[in-house]
Amino acid sequence: MTPLKKLATCATTWLVIGLAGGVFYREFTKANDFTGWTQLKVVHTHCLALGFMLTLIVLVLERVFTLSAHRGAFATYFWGFNLGLLLTITMLVIHGVMQVHGNIDVSPAISGIAGLGHIGLSVGLVGLMVALFTSLPATTPRPTPEDQLTTHR
């Protein structure tokens, strides 16, 4: 699968997870007559903003700069970011379900595992920036007088 298709598939997957997360939040809290704040409320936005929209931005960056040419950095971004986000979202759901069921004494393990997810996100974002900076051209070519004449006609 090409990197562009991989990123498009990934963005679509995060879109579906984000939309499903919103429906789950609405229906689960309604079914349990829960009206307070819960971690489930942010699952939808985290999936759509981080998973869907950021992946679409990376898809455009891949098209323009071929980030995947830097295999190590791009793989670090792709797997670190997506696995980190998946772990973070999973912990948001687990914590949110526990909150809806009245468990306010959540195990510190949930926070620790969520922290590992955030570390994965951070490692992935560093990989993305390494791939981006190594893909940028060293210098920006200056337009020649001939180029300027053709662009103004």
N, C-alpha and C. Protein backbone atom coordinates (compact mmCIF):
# COMPACT_ATOMS: atom_id res chain seq x y z
N MET A 1 0.84 -1.17 0.00
CA MET A 1 0.00 0.00 0.00
C MET A 1 0.89 1.24 0.00
N THR A 2 0.56 2.21 -0.83
CA THR A 2 1.37 3.44 -0.89
C THR A 2 1.18 4.25 0.39
N PRO A 3 2.15 5.09 0.72
CA PRO A 3 2.00 5.92 1.92
C PRO A 3 0.74 6.80 1.88
N LEU A 4 0.39 7.31 0.69
CA LEU A 4 -0.80 8.15 0.60
C LEU A 4 -2.06 7.35 0.92
N LYS A 5 -2.15 6.13 0.39
CA LYS A 5 -3.32 5.29 0.68
C LYS A 5 -3.34 4.87 2.14
N LYS A 6 -2.15 4.59 2.69
CA LYS A 6 -2.06 4.22 4.10
C LYS A 6 -2.57 5.36 4.98
N LEU A 7 -2.17 6.59 4.66
CA LEU A 7 -2.62 7.74 5.44
C LEU A 7 -4.11 8.00 5.24
N ALA A 8 -4.61 7.85 4.01
CA ALA A 8 -6.04 8.04 3.76
C ALA A 8 -6.87 7.00 4.51
N THR A 9 -6.40 5.76 4.51
CA THR A 9 -7.09 4.69 5.25
C THR A 9 -7.06 4.97 6.74
N CYS A 10 -5.94 5.43 7.22
CA CYS A 10 -5.80 5.75 8.65
C CYS A 10 -6.74 6.90 9.03
N ALA A 11 -6.78 7.94 8.21
CA ALA A 11 -7.68 9.07 8.49
C ALA A 11 -9.13 8.61 8.51
N THR A 12 -9.50 7.77 7.57
CA THR A 12 -10.87 7.26 7.52
C THR A 12 -11.19 6.43 8.76
N THR A 13 -10.24 5.63 9.20
CA THR A 13 -10.43 4.81 10.40
C THR A 13 -10.66 5.70 11.62
N TRP A 14 -9.84 6.76 11.76
CA TRP A 14 -10.03 7.67 12.90
C TRP A 14 -11.35 8.42 12.80
N LEU A 15 -11.79 8.74 11.58
CA LEU A 15 -13.09 9.37 11.41
C LEU A 15 -14.21 8.47 11.93
N VAL A 16 -14.17 7.20 11.53
CA VAL A 16 -15.19 6.25 11.97
C VAL A 16 -15.16 6.07 13.49
N ILE A 17 -13.95 5.92 14.05
CA ILE A 17 -13.83 5.75 15.50
C ILE A 17 -14.35 7.00 16.22
N GLY A 18 -14.02 8.17 15.70
CA GLY A 18 -14.48 9.42 16.31
C GLY A 18 -15.98 9.56 16.27
N LEU A 19 -16.59 9.26 15.14
CA LEU A 19 -18.05 9.34 15.04
C LEU A 19 -18.72 8.31 15.95
N ALA A 20 -18.17 7.11 15.97
CA ALA A 20 -18.71 6.06 16.86
C ALA A 20 -18.55 6.46 18.32
N GLY A 21 -17.44 7.11 18.65
CA GLY A 21 -17.22 7.57 20.02
C GLY A 21 -18.25 8.60 20.45
N GLY A 22 -18.62 9.48 19.53
CA GLY A 22 -19.66 10.46 19.84
C GLY A 22 -21.00 9.82 20.08
N VAL A 23 -21.35 8.86 19.23
CA VAL A 23 -22.62 8.15 19.40
C VAL A 23 -22.61 7.36 20.70
N PHE A 24 -21.49 6.68 20.99
CA PHE A 24 -21.40 5.90 22.23
C PHE A 24 -21.58 6.79 23.45
N TYR A 25 -20.91 7.93 23.46
CA TYR A 25 -21.03 8.87 24.59
C TYR A 25 -22.49 9.26 24.80
N ARG A 26 -23.14 9.67 23.73
CA ARG A 26 -24.53 10.14 23.83
C ARG A 26 -25.46 9.03 24.32
N GLU A 27 -25.35 7.86 23.70
CA GLU A 27 -26.27 6.77 24.03
C GLU A 27 -25.96 6.12 25.38
N PHE A 28 -24.69 5.97 25.71
CA PHE A 28 -24.31 5.33 26.96
C PHE A 28 -24.70 6.18 28.16
N THR A 29 -24.46 7.48 28.07
CA THR A 29 -24.83 8.34 29.19
C THR A 29 -26.35 8.46 29.31
N LYS A 30 -27.04 8.48 28.18
CA LYS A 30 -28.51 8.54 28.21
C LYS A 30 -29.08 7.26 28.82
N ALA A 31 -28.56 6.11 28.42
CA ALA A 31 -29.05 4.82 28.93
C ALA A 31 -28.82 4.67 30.43
N ASN A 32 -27.78 5.34 30.94
CA ASN A 32 -27.46 5.25 32.37
C ASN A 32 -27.95 6.48 33.15
N ASP A 33 -28.76 7.33 32.52
CA ASP A 33 -29.27 8.56 33.17
C ASP A 33 -28.14 9.36 33.82
N PHE A 34 -27.06 9.52 33.10
CA PHE A 34 -25.88 10.22 33.61
C PHE A 34 -25.86 11.62 33.01
N THR A 35 -25.73 12.64 33.87
CA THR A 35 -25.73 14.01 33.37
C THR A 35 -24.45 14.77 33.70
N GLY A 36 -23.53 14.18 34.42
CA GLY A 36 -22.29 14.85 34.80
C GLY A 36 -21.25 14.82 33.69
N TRP A 37 -20.06 15.32 34.04
CA TRP A 37 -18.96 15.31 33.09
C TRP A 37 -18.27 13.96 33.13
N THR A 38 -17.86 13.47 31.97
CA THR A 38 -17.16 12.21 31.88
C THR A 38 -16.10 12.29 30.79
N GLN A 39 -15.07 11.47 30.93
CA GLN A 39 -14.01 11.40 29.93
C GLN A 39 -14.54 10.99 28.56
N LEU A 40 -15.69 10.32 28.54
CA LEU A 40 -16.28 9.91 27.25
C LEU A 40 -16.59 11.11 26.37
N LYS A 41 -16.81 12.26 27.00
CA LYS A 41 -17.17 13.46 26.25
C LYS A 41 -16.07 13.91 25.29
N VAL A 42 -14.80 13.62 25.61
CA VAL A 42 -13.70 14.11 24.78
C VAL A 42 -13.16 13.06 23.79
N VAL A 43 -13.71 11.86 23.82
CA VAL A 43 -13.26 10.82 22.89
C VAL A 43 -13.51 11.25 21.45
N HIS A 44 -14.71 11.75 21.20
CA HIS A 44 -15.12 12.19 19.86
C HIS A 44 -14.15 13.24 19.30
N THR A 45 -13.90 14.28 20.08
CA THR A 45 -13.05 15.37 19.58
C THR A 45 -11.59 14.96 19.46
N HIS A 46 -11.10 14.13 20.38
CA HIS A 46 -9.71 13.67 20.28
C HIS A 46 -9.51 12.85 19.00
N CYS A 47 -10.43 11.96 18.72
CA CYS A 47 -10.30 11.13 17.51
C CYS A 47 -10.38 11.98 16.25
N LEU A 48 -11.31 12.92 16.21
CA LEU A 48 -11.48 13.72 15.00
C LEU A 48 -10.36 14.73 14.81
N ALA A 49 -9.96 15.40 15.88
CA ALA A 49 -8.92 16.42 15.74
C ALA A 49 -7.54 15.81 15.56
N LEU A 50 -7.17 14.89 16.45
CA LEU A 50 -5.83 14.31 16.38
C LEU A 50 -5.74 13.22 15.31
N GLY A 51 -6.70 12.31 15.34
CA GLY A 51 -6.62 11.18 14.41
C GLY A 51 -6.98 11.54 12.99
N PHE A 52 -8.14 12.11 12.79
CA PHE A 52 -8.65 12.39 11.44
C PHE A 52 -7.98 13.62 10.82
N MET A 53 -8.11 14.78 11.46
CA MET A 53 -7.63 16.01 10.83
C MET A 53 -6.10 16.07 10.72
N LEU A 54 -5.40 15.67 11.78
CA LEU A 54 -3.94 15.71 11.69
C LEU A 54 -3.43 14.73 10.64
N THR A 55 -4.06 13.58 10.53
CA THR A 55 -3.64 12.61 9.52
C THR A 55 -3.89 13.15 8.12
N LEU A 56 -4.98 13.88 7.91
CA LEU A 56 -5.22 14.51 6.61
C LEU A 56 -4.15 15.56 6.31
N ILE A 57 -3.73 16.31 7.32
CA ILE A 57 -2.65 17.29 7.13
C ILE A 57 -1.36 16.58 6.75
N VAL A 58 -1.06 15.47 7.44
CA VAL A 58 0.15 14.71 7.12
C VAL A 58 0.05 14.13 5.70
N LEU A 59 -1.15 13.74 5.28
CA LEU A 59 -1.33 13.24 3.92
C LEU A 59 -0.94 14.31 2.90
N VAL A 60 -1.34 15.54 3.13
CA VAL A 60 -0.97 16.64 2.23
C VAL A 60 0.55 16.87 2.29
N LEU A 61 1.12 16.84 3.48
CA LEU A 61 2.57 17.01 3.61
C LEU A 61 3.31 15.88 2.89
N GLU A 62 2.79 14.67 2.98
CA GLU A 62 3.39 13.53 2.27
C GLU A 62 3.35 13.77 0.76
N ARG A 63 2.24 14.27 0.27
CA ARG A 63 2.09 14.53 -1.17
C ARG A 63 3.07 15.59 -1.64
N VAL A 64 3.29 16.62 -0.83
CA VAL A 64 4.15 17.73 -1.23
C VAL A 64 5.63 17.42 -0.99
N PHE A 65 5.96 16.82 0.16
CA PHE A 65 7.36 16.66 0.55
C PHE A 65 7.87 15.22 0.58
N THR A 66 7.03 14.24 0.31
CA THR A 66 7.39 12.82 0.35
C THR A 66 8.10 12.47 1.67
N LEU A 67 7.38 12.67 2.76
CA LEU A 67 7.93 12.40 4.09
C LEU A 67 8.36 10.94 4.25
N SER A 68 7.66 10.04 3.56
CA SER A 68 7.94 8.61 3.71
C SER A 68 9.29 8.21 3.12
N ALA A 69 9.94 9.11 2.39
CA ALA A 69 11.28 8.80 1.89
C ALA A 69 12.26 8.64 3.05
N HIS A 70 11.92 9.20 4.18
CA HIS A 70 12.74 9.08 5.39
C HIS A 70 12.07 8.01 6.25
N ARG A 71 12.32 6.76 5.87
CA ARG A 71 11.59 5.61 6.40
C ARG A 71 11.55 5.56 7.92
N GLY A 72 12.70 5.72 8.56
CA GLY A 72 12.74 5.60 10.02
C GLY A 72 11.90 6.65 10.71
N ALA A 73 12.05 7.90 10.32
CA ALA A 73 11.30 8.99 10.94
C ALA A 73 9.82 8.87 10.64
N PHE A 74 9.49 8.51 9.40
CA PHE A 74 8.07 8.40 9.04
C PHE A 74 7.42 7.22 9.76
N ALA A 75 8.11 6.10 9.86
CA ALA A 75 7.57 4.94 10.58
C ALA A 75 7.40 5.27 12.06
N THR A 76 8.35 6.01 12.62
CA THR A 76 8.24 6.44 14.02
C THR A 76 7.00 7.30 14.20
N TYR A 77 6.78 8.24 13.28
CA TYR A 77 5.56 9.04 13.34
C TYR A 77 4.33 8.14 13.25
N PHE A 78 4.26 7.36 12.19
CA PHE A 78 3.03 6.63 11.89
C PHE A 78 2.65 5.68 13.01
N TRP A 79 3.58 4.84 13.42
CA TRP A 79 3.25 3.83 14.44
C TRP A 79 3.21 4.42 15.83
N GLY A 80 4.16 5.29 16.16
CA GLY A 80 4.17 5.90 17.49
C GLY A 80 2.92 6.73 17.73
N PHE A 81 2.59 7.56 16.76
CA PHE A 81 1.43 8.44 16.90
C PHE A 81 0.13 7.64 16.96
N ASN A 82 -0.08 6.74 16.01
CA ASN A 82 -1.35 6.02 15.96
C ASN A 82 -1.54 5.06 17.12
N LEU A 83 -0.49 4.34 17.49
CA LEU A 83 -0.62 3.44 18.65
C LEU A 83 -0.78 4.24 19.94
N GLY A 84 -0.06 5.36 20.04
CA GLY A 84 -0.21 6.23 21.21
C GLY A 84 -1.61 6.80 21.32
N LEU A 85 -2.16 7.22 20.19
CA LEU A 85 -3.52 7.76 20.20
C LEU A 85 -4.53 6.66 20.53
N LEU A 86 -4.33 5.49 19.97
CA LEU A 86 -5.24 4.37 20.26
C LEU A 86 -5.23 4.03 21.75
N LEU A 87 -4.06 4.00 22.35
CA LEU A 87 -3.95 3.70 23.78
C LEU A 87 -4.60 4.81 24.61
N THR A 88 -4.37 6.05 24.23
CA THR A 88 -4.97 7.18 24.93
C THR A 88 -6.49 7.14 24.85
N ILE A 89 -7.02 6.89 23.65
CA ILE A 89 -8.47 6.83 23.46
C ILE A 89 -9.08 5.66 24.24
N THR A 90 -8.39 4.53 24.23
CA THR A 90 -8.88 3.37 24.98
C THR A 90 -8.99 3.70 26.46
N MET A 91 -8.00 4.38 27.00
CA MET A 91 -8.04 4.73 28.42
C MET A 91 -9.11 5.79 28.70
N LEU A 92 -9.35 6.70 27.77
CA LEU A 92 -10.44 7.66 27.94
C LEU A 92 -11.78 6.92 28.03
N VAL A 93 -11.97 5.93 27.18
CA VAL A 93 -13.22 5.17 27.18
C VAL A 93 -13.37 4.38 28.48
N ILE A 94 -12.32 3.68 28.89
CA ILE A 94 -12.38 2.89 30.13
C ILE A 94 -12.66 3.80 31.33
N HIS A 95 -11.93 4.89 31.42
CA HIS A 95 -12.12 5.82 32.52
C HIS A 95 -13.53 6.42 32.49
N GLY A 96 -13.99 6.79 31.29
CA GLY A 96 -15.33 7.37 31.15
C GLY A 96 -16.43 6.41 31.54
N VAL A 97 -16.31 5.16 31.14
CA VAL A 97 -17.31 4.16 31.51
C VAL A 97 -17.33 3.98 33.03
N MET A 98 -16.16 3.97 33.63
CA MET A 98 -16.10 3.84 35.09
C MET A 98 -16.75 5.05 35.77
N GLN A 99 -16.55 6.24 35.22
CA GLN A 99 -17.16 7.44 35.79
C GLN A 99 -18.69 7.37 35.71
N VAL A 100 -19.19 6.94 34.56
CA VAL A 100 -20.64 6.83 34.39
C VAL A 100 -21.23 5.83 35.38
N HIS A 101 -20.48 4.77 35.66
CA HIS A 101 -20.96 3.75 36.61
C HIS A 101 -20.70 4.13 38.07
N GLY A 102 -20.19 5.33 38.30
CA GLY A 102 -20.03 5.82 39.67
C GLY A 102 -18.70 5.54 40.32
N ASN A 103 -17.74 5.00 39.59
CA ASN A 103 -16.40 4.74 40.14
C ASN A 103 -15.58 6.01 40.06
N ILE A 104 -15.48 6.73 41.17
CA ILE A 104 -14.65 7.93 41.16
C ILE A 104 -13.23 7.63 41.63
N ASP A 105 -13.03 6.48 42.25
CA ASP A 105 -11.69 6.05 42.67
C ASP A 105 -11.10 5.19 41.57
N VAL A 106 -10.57 5.84 40.55
CA VAL A 106 -10.01 5.13 39.40
C VAL A 106 -8.58 4.72 39.73
N SER A 107 -8.22 3.54 39.31
CA SER A 107 -6.88 3.01 39.56
C SER A 107 -5.81 3.90 38.93
N PRO A 108 -4.71 4.11 39.63
CA PRO A 108 -3.60 4.88 39.05
C PRO A 108 -3.04 4.21 37.79
N ALA A 109 -3.30 2.92 37.63
CA ALA A 109 -2.81 2.22 36.43
C ALA A 109 -3.43 2.82 35.17
N ILE A 110 -4.68 3.26 35.26
CA ILE A 110 -5.33 3.86 34.09
C ILE A 110 -4.60 5.14 33.69
N SER A 111 -4.27 5.96 34.67
CA SER A 111 -3.51 7.19 34.37
C SER A 111 -2.13 6.85 33.83
N GLY A 112 -1.51 5.83 34.37
CA GLY A 112 -0.18 5.43 33.89
C GLY A 112 -0.21 4.93 32.46
N ILE A 113 -1.22 4.13 32.13
CA ILE A 113 -1.33 3.62 30.77
C ILE A 113 -1.67 4.76 29.81
N ALA A 114 -2.55 5.67 30.24
CA ALA A 114 -2.85 6.85 29.42
C ALA A 114 -1.58 7.67 29.20
N GLY A 115 -0.75 7.76 30.23
CA GLY A 115 0.53 8.46 30.09
C GLY A 115 1.43 7.81 29.06
N LEU A 116 1.43 6.48 29.00
CA LEU A 116 2.20 5.78 27.96
C LEU A 116 1.67 6.13 26.58
N GLY A 117 0.34 6.24 26.47
CA GLY A 117 -0.25 6.65 25.20
C GLY A 117 0.21 8.05 24.80
N HIS A 118 0.27 8.95 25.76
CA HIS A 118 0.74 10.31 25.48
C HIS A 118 2.22 10.33 25.10
N ILE A 119 2.99 9.45 25.71
CA ILE A 119 4.41 9.33 25.33
C ILE A 119 4.50 8.86 23.88
N GLY A 120 3.68 7.87 23.49
CA GLY A 120 3.65 7.41 22.11
C GLY A 120 3.27 8.53 21.15
N LEU A 121 2.28 9.34 21.54
CA LEU A 121 1.91 10.50 20.71
C LEU A 121 3.09 11.45 20.54
N SER A 122 3.78 11.72 21.63
CA SER A 122 4.93 12.64 21.58
C SER A 122 6.05 12.10 20.71
N VAL A 123 6.37 10.83 20.87
CA VAL A 123 7.42 10.21 20.04
C VAL A 123 7.02 10.29 18.57
N GLY A 124 5.75 10.00 18.29
CA GLY A 124 5.27 10.07 16.91
C GLY A 124 5.37 11.47 16.33
N LEU A 125 5.02 12.47 17.13
CA LEU A 125 5.10 13.85 16.63
C LEU A 125 6.54 14.29 16.40
N VAL A 126 7.46 13.82 17.25
CA VAL A 126 8.88 14.11 17.01
C VAL A 126 9.31 13.46 15.69
N GLY A 127 8.89 12.20 15.46
CA GLY A 127 9.21 11.54 14.20
C GLY A 127 8.65 12.30 13.01
N LEU A 128 7.45 12.84 13.14
CA LEU A 128 6.85 13.63 12.06
C LEU A 128 7.70 14.87 11.77
N MET A 129 8.12 15.56 12.81
CA MET A 129 8.91 16.78 12.59
C MET A 129 10.29 16.46 12.02
N VAL A 130 10.88 15.35 12.43
CA VAL A 130 12.17 14.94 11.84
C VAL A 130 11.98 14.65 10.35
N ALA A 131 10.93 13.90 10.02
CA ALA A 131 10.67 13.59 8.61
C ALA A 131 10.40 14.86 7.82
N LEU A 132 9.66 15.80 8.41
CA LEU A 132 9.36 17.05 7.70
C LEU A 132 10.62 17.88 7.47
N PHE A 133 11.40 18.08 8.53
CA PHE A 133 12.58 18.93 8.38
C PHE A 133 13.63 18.31 7.45
N THR A 134 13.74 16.99 7.44
CA THR A 134 14.70 16.37 6.52
C THR A 134 14.16 16.33 5.10
N SER A 135 12.87 16.55 4.92
CA SER A 135 12.29 16.57 3.58
C SER A 135 12.27 17.95 2.95
N LEU A 136 12.42 18.98 3.75
CA LEU A 136 12.39 20.34 3.21
C LEU A 136 13.64 20.60 2.39
N PRO A 137 13.50 21.36 1.30
CA PRO A 137 14.71 21.68 0.52
C PRO A 137 15.65 22.56 1.33
N ALA A 138 16.96 22.40 1.07
CA ALA A 138 17.97 23.14 1.82
C ALA A 138 17.85 24.65 1.59
N THR A 139 17.55 25.04 0.37
CA THR A 139 17.39 26.46 0.05
C THR A 139 16.16 26.63 -0.82
N THR A 140 15.65 27.83 -0.79
CA THR A 140 14.53 28.16 -1.67
C THR A 140 15.11 28.81 -2.91
N PRO A 141 14.81 28.25 -4.10
CA PRO A 141 15.36 28.86 -5.31
C PRO A 141 14.78 30.25 -5.52
N ARG A 142 15.66 31.17 -5.90
CA ARG A 142 15.22 32.53 -6.18
C ARG A 142 14.74 32.59 -7.63
N PRO A 143 13.66 33.31 -7.85
CA PRO A 143 13.19 33.41 -9.23
C PRO A 143 14.15 34.23 -10.09
N THR A 144 14.34 33.76 -11.29
CA THR A 144 15.18 34.49 -12.25
C THR A 144 14.34 35.59 -12.90
N PRO A 145 14.97 36.56 -13.52
CA PRO A 145 14.18 37.59 -14.21
C PRO A 145 13.23 36.99 -15.26
N GLU A 146 13.64 35.90 -15.89
CA GLU A 146 12.77 35.25 -16.88
C GLU A 146 11.53 34.67 -16.20
N ASP A 147 11.72 34.09 -15.01
CA ASP A 147 10.60 33.54 -14.26
C ASP A 147 9.60 34.64 -13.89
N GLN A 148 10.12 35.78 -13.49
CA GLN A 148 9.26 36.88 -13.10
C GLN A 148 8.45 37.39 -14.30
N LEU A 149 9.08 37.42 -15.48
CA LEU A 149 8.36 37.86 -16.66
C LEU A 149 7.22 36.91 -17.02
N THR A 150 7.45 35.61 -16.89
CA THR A 150 6.41 34.65 -17.26
C THR A 150 5.29 34.59 -16.25
N THR A 151 5.56 34.94 -14.99
CA THR A 151 4.49 34.87 -13.98
C THR A 151 3.61 36.10 -14.02
N HIS A 152 4.08 37.22 -14.61
CA HIS A 152 3.28 38.43 -14.63
C HIS A 152 2.46 38.58 -15.91
N ARG A 153 2.59 37.66 -16.83
CA ARG A 153 1.83 37.80 -18.09
C ARG A 153 0.48 37.22 -18.00
